[in-house]
N, C-alpha and C. Protein backbone atom coordinates (compact mmCIF):
# COMPACT_ATOMS: atom_id res chain seq x y z
N MET A 1 -10.11 14.08 3.23
CA MET A 1 -9.23 12.97 2.96
C MET A 1 -9.47 11.84 3.95
N LYS A 2 -9.63 12.22 5.19
CA LYS A 2 -9.85 11.20 6.22
C LYS A 2 -11.11 10.39 5.92
N LEU A 3 -12.18 11.10 5.60
CA LEU A 3 -13.45 10.43 5.30
C LEU A 3 -13.32 9.54 4.07
N ALA A 4 -12.63 10.02 3.05
CA ALA A 4 -12.43 9.22 1.84
C ALA A 4 -11.66 7.95 2.17
N ASP A 5 -10.65 8.07 3.01
CA ASP A 5 -9.88 6.89 3.41
C ASP A 5 -10.71 5.93 4.25
N GLN A 6 -11.50 6.47 5.17
CA GLN A 6 -12.33 5.63 6.04
C GLN A 6 -13.38 4.87 5.24
N THR A 7 -13.89 5.48 4.19
CA THR A 7 -14.93 4.84 3.39
C THR A 7 -14.36 4.14 2.16
N ARG A 8 -13.04 4.15 2.06
CA ARG A 8 -12.34 3.52 0.93
C ARG A 8 -12.83 4.06 -0.41
N THR A 9 -13.03 5.35 -0.45
CA THR A 9 -13.48 6.03 -1.66
C THR A 9 -12.28 6.58 -2.42
N ASN A 10 -12.23 6.31 -3.70
CA ASN A 10 -11.12 6.81 -4.51
C ASN A 10 -11.52 7.98 -5.39
N THR A 11 -12.81 8.26 -5.47
CA THR A 11 -13.28 9.38 -6.29
C THR A 11 -13.79 10.49 -5.39
N ILE A 12 -13.25 11.68 -5.57
CA ILE A 12 -13.60 12.84 -4.76
C ILE A 12 -14.22 13.90 -5.67
N VAL A 13 -15.36 14.46 -5.24
CA VAL A 13 -16.01 15.54 -5.98
C VAL A 13 -15.77 16.85 -5.23
N LEU A 14 -15.24 17.83 -5.91
CA LEU A 14 -15.00 19.15 -5.32
C LEU A 14 -16.03 20.13 -5.87
N SER A 15 -16.79 20.75 -4.98
CA SER A 15 -17.77 21.73 -5.42
C SER A 15 -17.96 22.76 -4.32
N GLY A 16 -18.78 23.74 -4.61
CA GLY A 16 -19.03 24.80 -3.64
C GLY A 16 -18.23 26.04 -3.98
N GLY A 17 -18.69 27.13 -3.45
CA GLY A 17 -18.09 28.42 -3.75
C GLY A 17 -16.61 28.52 -3.44
N VAL A 18 -16.15 27.81 -2.41
CA VAL A 18 -14.74 27.89 -2.04
C VAL A 18 -13.84 27.44 -3.19
N PHE A 19 -14.31 26.51 -4.01
CA PHE A 19 -13.49 26.01 -5.10
C PHE A 19 -13.58 26.88 -6.35
N GLN A 20 -14.21 28.03 -6.26
CA GLN A 20 -14.12 29.02 -7.33
C GLN A 20 -12.74 29.68 -7.29
N ASN A 21 -12.07 29.54 -6.15
CA ASN A 21 -10.70 30.04 -6.01
C ASN A 21 -9.80 29.07 -6.78
N ARG A 22 -9.37 29.47 -7.96
CA ARG A 22 -8.60 28.60 -8.85
C ARG A 22 -7.32 28.08 -8.19
N LEU A 23 -6.62 28.93 -7.44
CA LEU A 23 -5.39 28.51 -6.78
C LEU A 23 -5.65 27.39 -5.78
N LEU A 24 -6.69 27.56 -4.97
CA LEU A 24 -7.05 26.53 -3.99
C LEU A 24 -7.48 25.25 -4.70
N LEU A 25 -8.32 25.39 -5.71
CA LEU A 25 -8.81 24.23 -6.45
C LEU A 25 -7.65 23.42 -7.03
N GLU A 26 -6.74 24.09 -7.71
CA GLU A 26 -5.61 23.39 -8.34
C GLU A 26 -4.71 22.74 -7.30
N SER A 27 -4.52 23.41 -6.17
CA SER A 27 -3.70 22.86 -5.09
C SER A 27 -4.31 21.59 -4.51
N VAL A 28 -5.60 21.63 -4.26
CA VAL A 28 -6.30 20.46 -3.69
C VAL A 28 -6.31 19.31 -4.70
N ILE A 29 -6.57 19.62 -5.97
CA ILE A 29 -6.58 18.58 -7.00
C ILE A 29 -5.21 17.91 -7.08
N GLU A 30 -4.16 18.70 -7.07
CA GLU A 30 -2.80 18.15 -7.14
C GLU A 30 -2.52 17.21 -5.96
N LYS A 31 -2.89 17.65 -4.76
CA LYS A 31 -2.66 16.82 -3.56
C LYS A 31 -3.45 15.52 -3.64
N LEU A 32 -4.71 15.61 -4.04
CA LEU A 32 -5.55 14.41 -4.13
C LEU A 32 -5.02 13.43 -5.17
N LYS A 33 -4.58 13.94 -6.30
CA LYS A 33 -4.05 13.07 -7.35
C LYS A 33 -2.77 12.39 -6.90
N LEU A 34 -1.94 13.10 -6.14
CA LEU A 34 -0.72 12.49 -5.61
C LEU A 34 -1.04 11.33 -4.67
N GLU A 35 -2.20 11.39 -4.05
CA GLU A 35 -2.63 10.33 -3.13
C GLU A 35 -3.44 9.25 -3.86
N GLY A 36 -3.47 9.33 -5.19
CA GLY A 36 -4.13 8.30 -5.98
C GLY A 36 -5.63 8.44 -6.12
N LYS A 37 -6.15 9.61 -5.81
CA LYS A 37 -7.60 9.83 -5.90
C LYS A 37 -7.98 10.33 -7.29
N THR A 38 -9.19 9.97 -7.71
CA THR A 38 -9.78 10.53 -8.92
C THR A 38 -10.57 11.75 -8.49
N VAL A 39 -10.35 12.87 -9.15
CA VAL A 39 -10.99 14.12 -8.74
C VAL A 39 -11.96 14.59 -9.82
N LEU A 40 -13.18 14.90 -9.38
CA LEU A 40 -14.20 15.45 -10.27
C LEU A 40 -14.52 16.87 -9.82
N SER A 41 -14.56 17.78 -10.76
CA SER A 41 -14.89 19.17 -10.45
C SER A 41 -15.50 19.81 -11.69
N ALA A 42 -16.35 20.78 -11.46
CA ALA A 42 -16.99 21.47 -12.58
C ALA A 42 -15.93 22.18 -13.41
N GLU A 43 -16.06 22.04 -14.71
CA GLU A 43 -15.15 22.75 -15.61
C GLU A 43 -15.90 23.76 -16.46
N LYS A 44 -17.15 23.44 -16.72
CA LYS A 44 -17.92 24.28 -17.64
C LYS A 44 -18.95 25.14 -16.92
N TYR A 45 -19.44 24.68 -15.79
CA TYR A 45 -20.52 25.37 -15.09
C TYR A 45 -20.06 25.83 -13.71
N LEU A 46 -20.87 26.64 -13.08
CA LEU A 46 -20.54 27.23 -11.79
C LEU A 46 -20.49 26.19 -10.67
N LEU A 47 -19.63 26.44 -9.70
CA LEU A 47 -19.49 25.55 -8.55
C LEU A 47 -20.34 25.98 -7.36
N ASN A 48 -20.99 27.10 -7.45
CA ASN A 48 -21.72 27.65 -6.30
C ASN A 48 -23.23 27.57 -6.54
N ASP A 49 -23.97 28.46 -5.92
CA ASP A 49 -25.43 28.46 -6.06
C ASP A 49 -25.88 28.64 -7.51
N GLY A 50 -25.04 29.26 -8.31
CA GLY A 50 -25.37 29.41 -9.72
C GLY A 50 -25.51 28.06 -10.41
N GLY A 51 -24.69 27.10 -10.00
CA GLY A 51 -24.79 25.75 -10.54
C GLY A 51 -26.08 25.07 -10.13
N ILE A 52 -26.51 25.31 -8.89
CA ILE A 52 -27.79 24.77 -8.42
C ILE A 52 -28.92 25.37 -9.24
N ALA A 53 -28.86 26.68 -9.45
CA ALA A 53 -29.90 27.35 -10.24
C ALA A 53 -29.93 26.80 -11.66
N LEU A 54 -28.78 26.52 -12.22
CA LEU A 54 -28.72 25.94 -13.56
C LEU A 54 -29.41 24.57 -13.58
N GLY A 55 -29.15 23.75 -12.58
CA GLY A 55 -29.80 22.45 -12.49
C GLY A 55 -31.30 22.57 -12.33
N GLN A 56 -31.73 23.52 -11.53
CA GLN A 56 -33.16 23.74 -11.35
C GLN A 56 -33.82 24.18 -12.66
N THR A 57 -33.11 24.99 -13.41
CA THR A 57 -33.62 25.44 -14.70
C THR A 57 -33.76 24.27 -15.66
N LEU A 58 -32.79 23.37 -15.64
CA LEU A 58 -32.86 22.18 -16.49
C LEU A 58 -34.06 21.31 -16.13
N VAL A 59 -34.28 21.09 -14.83
CA VAL A 59 -35.42 20.29 -14.39
C VAL A 59 -36.73 20.95 -14.82
N ALA A 60 -36.82 22.27 -14.65
CA ALA A 60 -38.03 23.00 -15.06
C ALA A 60 -38.26 22.86 -16.56
N ARG A 61 -37.20 22.96 -17.33
CA ARG A 61 -37.33 22.83 -18.79
C ARG A 61 -37.83 21.43 -19.16
N LEU A 62 -37.24 20.40 -18.56
CA LEU A 62 -37.67 19.03 -18.84
C LEU A 62 -39.11 18.80 -18.42
N TYR A 63 -39.49 19.40 -17.29
CA TYR A 63 -40.86 19.26 -16.80
C TYR A 63 -41.84 19.89 -17.79
N ILE A 64 -41.49 21.07 -18.28
CA ILE A 64 -42.34 21.76 -19.25
C ILE A 64 -42.45 20.95 -20.53
N GLN A 65 -41.36 20.32 -20.93
CA GLN A 65 -41.36 19.51 -22.15
C GLN A 65 -41.94 18.11 -21.91
N LYS A 66 -42.43 17.86 -20.71
CA LYS A 66 -43.03 16.57 -20.35
C LYS A 66 -42.03 15.42 -20.39
N LYS A 67 -40.74 15.74 -20.20
CA LYS A 67 -39.72 14.69 -20.18
C LYS A 67 -39.29 14.38 -18.75
N PHE A 68 -39.89 15.04 -17.80
CA PHE A 68 -39.53 14.86 -16.40
C PHE A 68 -40.81 14.82 -15.60
N SER A 69 -40.97 13.83 -14.78
CA SER A 69 -42.18 13.69 -13.98
C SER A 69 -41.84 13.90 -12.51
N LEU A 70 -42.47 14.88 -11.88
CA LEU A 70 -42.24 15.08 -10.45
C LEU A 70 -42.69 13.87 -9.66
N HIS A 71 -43.74 13.21 -10.10
CA HIS A 71 -44.21 12.01 -9.41
C HIS A 71 -43.13 10.92 -9.45
N ALA A 72 -42.53 10.70 -10.61
CA ALA A 72 -41.47 9.70 -10.73
C ALA A 72 -40.28 10.08 -9.87
N TYR A 73 -39.95 11.37 -9.83
CA TYR A 73 -38.83 11.83 -9.01
C TYR A 73 -39.10 11.56 -7.54
N ARG A 74 -40.32 11.84 -7.09
CA ARG A 74 -40.67 11.61 -5.69
C ARG A 74 -40.69 10.13 -5.35
N MET A 75 -41.04 9.30 -6.30
CA MET A 75 -41.15 7.86 -6.06
C MET A 75 -39.79 7.15 -6.12
N ARG A 76 -38.75 7.82 -6.61
CA ARG A 76 -37.47 7.16 -6.81
C ARG A 76 -36.93 6.52 -5.55
N SER A 77 -37.12 7.17 -4.39
CA SER A 77 -36.58 6.62 -3.14
C SER A 77 -37.30 5.33 -2.75
N LYS A 78 -38.54 5.19 -3.13
CA LYS A 78 -39.27 3.96 -2.83
C LYS A 78 -38.84 2.82 -3.75
N LEU A 79 -38.31 3.18 -4.90
CA LEU A 79 -37.89 2.18 -5.86
C LEU A 79 -36.47 1.69 -5.61
N LEU A 80 -35.68 2.50 -4.92
CA LEU A 80 -34.27 2.15 -4.69
C LEU A 80 -34.09 1.26 -3.50
């Protein structure tokens, strides 16, 4: 919360294994919303390493289908 306030950020993303605890997740979301924050959290996919693995699988699939270029991905930082 402190960091969000210092950076004047109104959107907070909650992820990581700790937020697989539904009680904790709902409690934090409620508190953030009371403070006027927009909260984003996974609803359909895993919040832990399983979510990372899912993303890696998607990138691999796109790469195989020639819809994703590792060269373009590596060059993105030079373009931004």
